[in-house]
Amino acid sequence: MQMNVSVTSELYEFVQRKVQSGLYGNASEVARDALRRMDERAVVDTAWGELNNTLKASVASGRSPHSVRDIISRTPRGSNE
């Protein structure tokens, strides 16, 4: 499938430098790599957002009757140590 995309002169030069560096064979490879990285970043951003929401909910729920040591001991890694 083919797609034509317009970019600024700065982005054009950036893509050309990447191709000239030998890291990529052509501009399409640069674009595909950039899009894959954007997709990966979106997954990471979503995970951080979910973690942040969980932490906010934890703080809002109040003080736990369990110690940090108790909580760690309940994790698979904590129970091995």
PDB file of N, CA and C in Angstrom:
ATOM      1  N   MET A   1       0.842  -1.170   0.000  1.00  0.00           N
ATOM      2  CA  MET A   1       0.000   0.000   0.000  1.00  0.00           C
ATOM      3  C   MET A   1       0.890   1.236   0.000  1.00  0.00           C
ATOM      4  N   GLN A   2       0.506   2.213  -0.739  1.00  0.00           N
ATOM      5  CA  GLN A   2       1.326   3.417  -0.881  1.00  0.00           C
ATOM      6  C   GLN A   2       0.605   4.615  -0.289  1.00  0.00           C
ATOM      7  N   MET A   3       1.407   5.558   0.278  1.00  0.00           N
ATOM      8  CA  MET A   3       0.868   6.782   0.845  1.00  0.00           C
ATOM      9  C   MET A   3       1.883   7.888   0.609  1.00  0.00           C
ATOM     10  N   ASN A   4       1.426   9.021   0.188  1.00  0.00           N
ATOM     11  CA  ASN A   4       2.298  10.181   0.021  1.00  0.00           C
ATOM     12  C   ASN A   4       2.058  11.130   1.183  1.00  0.00           C
ATOM     13  N   VAL A   5       3.134  11.644   1.753  1.00  0.00           N
ATOM     14  CA  VAL A   5       3.040  12.517   2.914  1.00  0.00           C
ATOM     15  C   VAL A   5       3.877  13.766   2.671  1.00  0.00           C
ATOM     16  N   SER A   6       3.323  14.916   3.018  1.00  0.00           N
ATOM     17  CA  SER A   6       4.077  16.171   2.920  1.00  0.00           C
ATOM     18  C   SER A   6       4.698  16.478   4.275  1.00  0.00           C
ATOM     19  N   VAL A   7       5.961  16.898   4.267  1.00  0.00           N
ATOM     20  CA  VAL A   7       6.657  17.246   5.506  1.00  0.00           C
ATOM     21  C   VAL A   7       7.321  18.608   5.342  1.00  0.00           C
ATOM     22  N   THR A   8       7.702  19.182   6.467  1.00  0.00           N
ATOM     23  CA  THR A   8       8.420  20.451   6.426  1.00  0.00           C
ATOM     24  C   THR A   8       9.822  20.226   5.871  1.00  0.00           C
ATOM     25  N   SER A   9      10.469  21.292   5.489  1.00  0.00           N
ATOM     26  CA  SER A   9      11.840  21.159   4.972  1.00  0.00           C
ATOM     27  C   SER A   9      12.771  20.612   6.045  1.00  0.00           C
ATOM     28  N   GLU A  10      12.512  20.966   7.296  1.00  0.00           N
ATOM     29  CA  GLU A  10      13.348  20.451   8.394  1.00  0.00           C
ATOM     30  C   GLU A  10      13.204  18.938   8.515  1.00  0.00           C
ATOM     31  N   LEU A  11      11.972  18.439   8.444  1.00  0.00           N
ATOM     32  CA  LEU A  11      11.766  16.994   8.536  1.00  0.00           C
ATOM     33  C   LEU A  11      12.327  16.282   7.309  1.00  0.00           C
ATOM     34  N   TYR A  12      12.207  16.895   6.160  1.00  0.00           N
ATOM     35  CA  TYR A  12      12.775  16.316   4.946  1.00  0.00           C
ATOM     36  C   TYR A  12      14.287  16.137   5.107  1.00  0.00           C
ATOM     37  N   GLU A  13      14.952  17.176   5.582  1.00  0.00           N
ATOM     38  CA  GLU A  13      16.404  17.097   5.799  1.00  0.00           C
ATOM     39  C   GLU A  13      16.751  16.048   6.846  1.00  0.00           C
ATOM     40  N   PHE A  14      15.954  15.968   7.890  1.00  0.00           N
ATOM     41  CA  PHE A  14      16.174  14.966   8.932  1.00  0.00           C
ATOM     42  C   PHE A  14      16.108  13.557   8.340  1.00  0.00           C
ATOM     43  N   VAL A  15      15.077  13.296   7.555  1.00  0.00           N
ATOM     44  CA  VAL A  15      14.926  11.981   6.926  1.00  0.00           C
ATOM     45  C   VAL A  15      16.103  11.705   5.996  1.00  0.00           C
ATOM     46  N   GLN A  16      16.504  12.688   5.228  1.00  0.00           N
ATOM     47  CA  GLN A  16      17.628  12.513   4.314  1.00  0.00           C
ATOM     48  C   GLN A  16      18.912  12.177   5.072  1.00  0.00           C
ATOM     49  N   ARG A  17      19.130  12.846   6.209  1.00  0.00           N
ATOM     50  CA  ARG A  17      20.324  12.546   7.025  1.00  0.00           C
ATOM     51  C   ARG A  17      20.286  11.115   7.544  1.00  0.00           C
ATOM     52  N   LYS A  18      19.106  10.646   7.938  1.00  0.00           N
ATOM     53  CA  LYS A  18      18.987   9.273   8.433  1.00  0.00           C
ATOM     54  C   LYS A  18      19.321   8.272   7.325  1.00  0.00           C
ATOM     55  N   VAL A  19      18.831   8.521   6.121  1.00  0.00           N
ATOM     56  CA  VAL A  19      19.121   7.631   4.996  1.00  0.00           C
ATOM     57  C   VAL A  19      20.608   7.690   4.656  1.00  0.00           C
ATOM     58  N   GLN A  20      21.164   8.906   4.607  1.00  0.00           N
ATOM     59  CA  GLN A  20      22.582   9.065   4.267  1.00  0.00           C
ATOM     60  C   GLN A  20      23.504   8.440   5.311  1.00  0.00           C
ATOM     61  N   SER A  21      23.023   8.332   6.538  1.00  0.00           N
ATOM     62  CA  SER A  21      23.840   7.725   7.593  1.00  0.00           C
ATOM     63  C   SER A  21      24.032   6.226   7.374  1.00  0.00           C
ATOM     64  N   GLY A  22      23.168   5.656   6.537  1.00  0.00           N
ATOM     65  CA  GLY A  22      23.243   4.228   6.290  1.00  0.00           C
ATOM     66  C   GLY A  22      22.382   3.404   7.223  1.00  0.00           C
ATOM     67  N   LEU A  23      21.790   4.046   8.200  1.00  0.00           N
ATOM     68  CA  LEU A  23      20.947   3.330   9.148  1.00  0.00           C
ATOM     69  C   LEU A  23      19.662   2.845   8.486  1.00  0.00           C
ATOM     70  N   TYR A  24      19.190   3.587   7.494  1.00  0.00           N
ATOM     71  CA  TYR A  24      17.976   3.232   6.766  1.00  0.00           C
ATOM     72  C   TYR A  24      18.287   3.206   5.276  1.00  0.00           C
ATOM     73  N   GLY A  25      17.592   2.352   4.541  1.00  0.00           N
ATOM     74  CA  GLY A  25      17.813   2.240   3.117  1.00  0.00           C
ATOM     75  C   GLY A  25      17.114   3.311   2.309  1.00  0.00           C
ATOM     76  N   ASN A  26      16.007   3.826   2.841  1.00  0.00           N
ATOM     77  CA  ASN A  26      15.255   4.850   2.118  1.00  0.00           C
ATOM     78  C   ASN A  26      14.314   5.582   3.084  1.00  0.00           C
ATOM     79  N   ALA A  27      13.638   6.599   2.551  1.00  0.00           N
ATOM     80  CA  ALA A  27      12.756   7.427   3.382  1.00  0.00           C
ATOM     81  C   ALA A  27      11.588   6.617   3.945  1.00  0.00           C
ATOM     82  N   SER A  28      11.115   5.632   3.202  1.00  0.00           N
ATOM     83  CA  SER A  28      10.003   4.809   3.692  1.00  0.00           C
ATOM     84  C   SER A  28      10.386   4.044   4.953  1.00  0.00           C
ATOM     85  N   GLU A  29      11.613   3.545   5.004  1.00  0.00           N
ATOM     86  CA  GLU A  29      12.075   2.833   6.197  1.00  0.00           C
ATOM     87  C   GLU A  29      12.124   3.769   7.396  1.00  0.00           C
ATOM     88  N   VAL A  30      12.557   4.997   7.172  1.00  0.00           N
ATOM     89  CA  VAL A  30      12.590   5.983   8.260  1.00  0.00           C
ATOM     90  C   VAL A  30      11.178   6.217   8.776  1.00  0.00           C
ATOM     91  N   ALA A  31      10.231   6.419   7.868  1.00  0.00           N
ATOM     92  CA  ALA A  31       8.847   6.684   8.257  1.00  0.00           C
ATOM     93  C   ALA A  31       8.242   5.490   8.994  1.00  0.00           C
ATOM     94  N   ARG A  32       8.475   4.268   8.498  1.00  0.00           N
ATOM     95  CA  ARG A  32       7.933   3.078   9.170  1.00  0.00           C
ATOM     96  C   ARG A  32       8.498   2.932  10.573  1.00  0.00           C
ATOM     97  N   ASP A  33       9.800   3.168  10.728  1.00  0.00           N
ATOM     98  CA  ASP A  33      10.411   3.064  12.047  1.00  0.00           C
ATOM     99  C   ASP A  33       9.832   4.119  12.995  1.00  0.00           C
ATOM    100  N   ALA A  34       9.662   5.329  12.496  1.00  0.00           N
ATOM    101  CA  ALA A  34       9.099   6.395  13.326  1.00  0.00           C
ATOM    102  C   ALA A  34       7.680   6.056  13.766  1.00  0.00           C
ATOM    103  N   LEU A  35       6.885   5.512  12.863  1.00  0.00           N
ATOM    104  CA  LEU A  35       5.504   5.149  13.208  1.00  0.00           C
ATOM    105  C   LEU A  35       5.458   3.995  14.207  1.00  0.00           C
ATOM    106  N   ARG A  36       6.348   3.007  14.039  1.00  0.00           N
ATOM    107  CA  ARG A  36       6.409   1.904  15.015  1.00  0.00           C
ATOM    108  C   ARG A  36       6.770   2.432  16.391  1.00  0.00           C
ATOM    109  N   ARG A  37       7.744   3.348  16.436  1.00  0.00           N
ATOM    110  CA  ARG A  37       8.159   3.907  17.717  1.00  0.00           C
ATOM    111  C   ARG A  37       7.041   4.736  18.357  1.00  0.00           C
ATOM    112  N   MET A  38       6.276   5.456  17.537  1.00  0.00           N
ATOM    113  CA  MET A  38       5.137   6.211  18.061  1.00  0.00           C
ATOM    114  C   MET A  38       4.107   5.267  18.675  1.00  0.00           C
ATOM    115  N   ASP A  39       3.869   4.141  18.002  1.00  0.00           N
ATOM    116  CA  ASP A  39       2.916   3.160  18.510  1.00  0.00           C
ATOM    117  C   ASP A  39       3.397   2.568  19.831  1.00  0.00           C
ATOM    118  N   GLU A  40       4.681   2.223  19.904  1.00  0.00           N
ATOM    119  CA  GLU A  40       5.253   1.687  21.140  1.00  0.00           C
ATOM    120  C   GLU A  40       5.150   2.713  22.261  1.00  0.00           C
ATOM    121  N   ARG A  41       5.420   3.969  21.940  1.00  0.00           N
ATOM    122  CA  ARG A  41       5.356   5.036  22.943  1.00  0.00           C
ATOM    123  C   ARG A  41       3.928   5.189  23.477  1.00  0.00           C
ATOM    124  N   ALA A  42       2.941   5.042  22.595  1.00  0.00           N
ATOM    125  CA  ALA A  42       1.544   5.143  23.023  1.00  0.00           C
ATOM    126  C   ALA A  42       1.212   4.047  24.031  1.00  0.00           C
ATOM    127  N   VAL A  43       1.735   2.848  23.813  1.00  0.00           N
ATOM    128  CA  VAL A  43       1.506   1.737  24.751  1.00  0.00           C
ATOM    129  C   VAL A  43       2.130   2.063  26.110  1.00  0.00           C
ATOM    130  N   VAL A  44       3.357   2.578  26.089  1.00  0.00           N
ATOM    131  CA  VAL A  44       4.049   2.936  27.335  1.00  0.00           C
ATOM    132  C   VAL A  44       3.303   4.068  28.051  1.00  0.00           C
ATOM    133  N   ASP A  45       2.884   5.086  27.301  1.00  0.00           N
ATOM    134  CA  ASP A  45       2.152   6.199  27.904  1.00  0.00           C
ATOM    135  C   ASP A  45       0.853   5.727  28.551  1.00  0.00           C
ATOM    136  N   THR A  46       0.168   4.792  27.907  1.00  0.00           N
ATOM    137  CA  THR A  46      -1.071   4.245  28.467  1.00  0.00           C
ATOM    138  C   THR A  46      -0.789   3.504  29.766  1.00  0.00           C
ATOM    139  N   ALA A  47       0.261   2.697  29.776  1.00  0.00           N
ATOM    140  CA  ALA A  47       0.618   1.946  30.984  1.00  0.00           C
ATOM    141  C   ALA A  47       0.965   2.887  32.134  1.00  0.00           C
ATOM    142  N   TRP A  48       1.741   3.949  31.839  1.00  0.00           N
ATOM    143  CA  TRP A  48       2.070   4.923  32.887  1.00  0.00           C
ATOM    144  C   TRP A  48       0.815   5.626  33.390  1.00  0.00           C
ATOM    145  N   GLY A  49      -0.103   5.936  32.492  1.00  0.00           N
ATOM    146  CA  GLY A  49      -1.358   6.570  32.890  1.00  0.00           C
ATOM    147  C   GLY A  49      -2.172   5.680  33.816  1.00  0.00           C
ATOM    148  N   GLU A  50      -2.236   4.401  33.481  1.00  0.00           N
ATOM    149  CA  GLU A  50      -2.956   3.449  34.327  1.00  0.00           C
ATOM    150  C   GLU A  50      -2.297   3.317  35.690  1.00  0.00           C
ATOM    151  N   LEU A  51      -0.977   3.269  35.715  1.00  0.00           N
ATOM    152  CA  LEU A  51      -0.260   3.192  36.989  1.00  0.00           C
ATOM    153  C   LEU A  51      -0.520   4.443  37.818  1.00  0.00           C
ATOM    154  N   ASN A  52      -0.465   5.587  37.174  1.00  0.00           N
ATOM    155  CA  ASN A  52      -0.711   6.841  37.881  1.00  0.00           C
ATOM    156  C   ASN A  52      -2.124   6.871  38.467  1.00  0.00           C
ATOM    157  N   ASN A  53      -3.102   6.417  37.694  1.00  0.00           N
ATOM    158  CA  ASN A  53      -4.482   6.368  38.195  1.00  0.00           C
ATOM    159  C   ASN A  53      -4.606   5.415  39.376  1.00  0.00           C
ATOM    160  N   THR A  54      -3.930   4.283  39.305  1.00  0.00           N
ATOM    161  CA  THR A  54      -3.950   3.318  40.408  1.00  0.00           C
ATOM    162  C   THR A  54      -3.327   3.920  41.662  1.00  0.00           C
ATOM    163  N   LEU A  55      -2.213   4.623  41.492  1.00  0.00           N
ATOM    164  CA  LEU A  55      -1.564   5.250  42.646  1.00  0.00           C
ATOM    165  C   LEU A  55      -2.447   6.332  43.252  1.00  0.00           C
ATOM    166  N   LYS A  56      -3.099   7.131  42.417  1.00  0.00           N
ATOM    167  CA  LYS A  56      -4.014   8.157  42.930  1.00  0.00           C
ATOM    168  C   LYS A  56      -5.157   7.529  43.708  1.00  0.00           C
ATOM    169  N   ALA A  57      -5.705   6.439  43.176  1.00  0.00           N
ATOM    170  CA  ALA A  57      -6.792   5.742  43.867  1.00  0.00           C
ATOM    171  C   ALA A  57      -6.303   5.166  45.190  1.00  0.00           C
ATOM    172  N   SER A  58      -5.084   4.678  45.212  1.00  0.00           N
ATOM    173  CA  SER A  58      -4.514   4.129  46.448  1.00  0.00           C
ATOM    174  C   SER A  58      -4.373   5.205  47.505  1.00  0.00           C
ATOM    175  N   VAL A  59      -3.866   6.359  47.088  1.00  0.00           N
ATOM    176  CA  VAL A  59      -3.704   7.465  48.030  1.00  0.00           C
ATOM    177  C   VAL A  59      -5.068   7.916  48.549  1.00  0.00           C
ATOM    178  N   ALA A  60      -6.042   7.984  47.659  1.00  0.00           N
ATOM    179  CA  ALA A  60      -7.375   8.451  48.040  1.00  0.00           C
ATOM    180  C   ALA A  60      -8.093   7.470  48.963  1.00  0.00           C
ATOM    181  N   SER A  61      -7.714   6.192  48.917  1.00  0.00           N
ATOM    182  CA  SER A  61      -8.406   5.182  49.724  1.00  0.00           C
ATOM    183  C   SER A  61      -8.012   5.212  51.193  1.00  0.00           C
ATOM    184  N   GLY A  62      -6.954   5.914  51.499  1.00  0.00           N
ATOM    185  CA  GLY A  62      -6.556   6.027  52.905  1.00  0.00           C
ATOM    186  C   GLY A  62      -5.410   5.116  53.277  1.00  0.00           C
ATOM    187  N   ARG A  63      -5.081   5.117  54.539  1.00  0.00           N
ATOM    188  CA  ARG A  63      -3.946   4.358  55.051  1.00  0.00           C
ATOM    189  C   ARG A  63      -4.251   2.871  55.108  1.00  0.00           C
ATOM    190  N   SER A  64      -3.295   2.071  54.705  1.00  0.00           N
ATOM    191  CA  SER A  64      -3.441   0.618  54.711  1.00  0.00           C
ATOM    192  C   SER A  64      -3.046   0.063  56.078  1.00  0.00           C
ATOM    193  N   PRO A  65      -3.720  -0.975  56.520  1.00  0.00           N
ATOM    194  CA  PRO A  65      -3.321  -1.619  57.772  1.00  0.00           C
ATOM    195  C   PRO A  65      -2.080  -2.500  57.591  1.00  0.00           C
ATOM    196  N   HIS A  66      -1.641  -2.660  56.335  1.00  0.00           N
ATOM    197  CA  HIS A  66      -0.497  -3.525  56.045  1.00  0.00           C
ATOM    198  C   HIS A  66       0.777  -2.699  55.936  1.00  0.00           C
ATOM    199  N   SER A  67       1.879  -3.263  56.407  1.00  0.00           N
ATOM    200  CA  SER A  67       3.165  -2.589  56.266  1.00  0.00           C
ATOM    201  C   SER A  67       3.708  -2.814  54.861  1.00  0.00           C
ATOM    202  N   VAL A  68       4.672  -2.007  54.481  1.00  0.00           N
ATOM    203  CA  VAL A  68       5.311  -2.172  53.176  1.00  0.00           C
ATOM    204  C   VAL A  68       5.939  -3.560  53.089  1.00  0.00           C
ATOM    205  N   ARG A  69       6.544  -3.999  54.165  1.00  0.00           N
ATOM    206  CA  ARG A  69       7.157  -5.329  54.186  1.00  0.00           C
ATOM    207  C   ARG A  69       6.116  -6.431  53.947  1.00  0.00           C
ATOM    208  N   ASP A  70       4.930  -6.297  54.557  1.00  0.00           N
ATOM    209  CA  ASP A  70       3.858  -7.271  54.330  1.00  0.00           C
ATOM    210  C   ASP A  70       3.451  -7.302  52.855  1.00  0.00           C
ATOM    211  N   ILE A  71       3.309  -6.127  52.277  1.00  0.00           N
ATOM    212  CA  ILE A  71       2.878  -6.038  50.880  1.00  0.00           C
ATOM    213  C   ILE A  71       3.928  -6.641  49.960  1.00  0.00           C
ATOM    214  N   ILE A  72       5.186  -6.322  50.195  1.00  0.00           N
ATOM    215  CA  ILE A  72       6.264  -6.870  49.364  1.00  0.00           C
ATOM    216  C   ILE A  72       6.325  -8.385  49.483  1.00  0.00           C
ATOM    217  N   SER A  73       6.105  -8.901  50.683  1.00  0.00           N
ATOM    218  CA  SER A  73       6.181 -10.352  50.878  1.00  0.00           C
ATOM    219  C   SER A  73       5.084 -11.089  50.123  1.00  0.00           C
ATOM    220  N   ARG A  74       4.024 -10.393  49.739  1.00  0.00           N
ATOM    221  CA  ARG A  74       2.929 -11.009  48.985  1.00  0.00           C
ATOM    222  C   ARG A  74       3.199 -11.049  47.482  1.00  0.00           C
ATOM    223  N   THR A  75       4.229 -10.383  47.021  1.00  0.00           N
ATOM    224  CA  THR A  75       4.551 -10.393  45.586  1.00  0.00           C
ATOM    225  C   THR A  75       5.406 -11.604  45.282  1.00  0.00           C
ATOM    226  N   PRO A  76       5.366 -12.076  44.037  1.00  0.00           N
ATOM    227  CA  PRO A  76       6.186 -13.242  43.680  1.00  0.00           C
ATOM    228  C   PRO A  76       7.678 -13.001  43.949  1.00  0.00           C
ATOM    229  N   ARG A  77       8.169 -11.830  43.652  1.00  0.00           N
ATOM    230  CA  ARG A  77       9.576 -11.549  43.872  1.00  0.00           C
ATOM    231  C   ARG A  77       9.880 -11.413  45.371  1.00  0.00           C
ATOM    232  N   GLY A  78       8.996 -10.755  46.091  1.00  0.00           N
ATOM    233  CA  GLY A  78       9.209 -10.536  47.514  1.00  0.00           C
ATOM    234  C   GLY A  78       9.193 -11.811  48.330  1.00  0.00           C
ATOM    235  N   SER A  79       8.398 -12.780  47.890  1.00  0.00           N
ATOM    236  CA  SER A  79       8.331 -14.035  48.644  1.00  0.00           C
ATOM    237  C   SER A  79       9.570 -14.900  48.453  1.00  0.00           C
ATOM    238  N   ASN A  80      10.362 -14.612  47.392  1.00  0.00           N
ATOM    239  CA  ASN A  80      11.588 -15.379  47.131  1.00  0.00           C
ATOM    240  C   ASN A  80      12.779 -14.833  47.875  1.00  0.00           C
ATOM    241  N   GLU A  81      12.681 -13.635  48.385  1.00  0.00           N
ATOM    242  CA  GLU A  81      13.847 -13.019  49.017  1.00  0.00           C
ATOM    243  C   GLU A  81      13.911 -13.297  50.495  1.00  0.00           C
TER     244      GLU A  81
END
